């Protein structure tokens, strides 16, 4: 697996054709962490955060997305940012974080840890 130093991140790009409540795109981060010090309020020693950006792809057809998604323009002004477990700014208490995308047309998804 990948290891990260303090304040580093790693990103992964995914192209999706569409998502719906019946067929969502689900992104999950899970990791192990040594015990924190509850007496000082430190729950996690390594606080990783899951951040997902969804940017619409300006395609004229689904076939265009399948054939050449990398060369199709994106609508960056419509990008939506999601945090794991719906924790704005990041979940500071859990080693399992998840984002469920239930409504999207063709889109570029950037997953950052």
Foldseek 3Di string as FASTA:
>chain_A
DDDDDPPDKDKDKDKDAWAAQVRKDKDKAADDFPADDVVVPQGGPDFDKKKKKKWAFPDPDSVCCVPPVPPTDTPVVPIDMAIFPRDVPGDRHDRMTMDIGHGGHTIMMMIMD
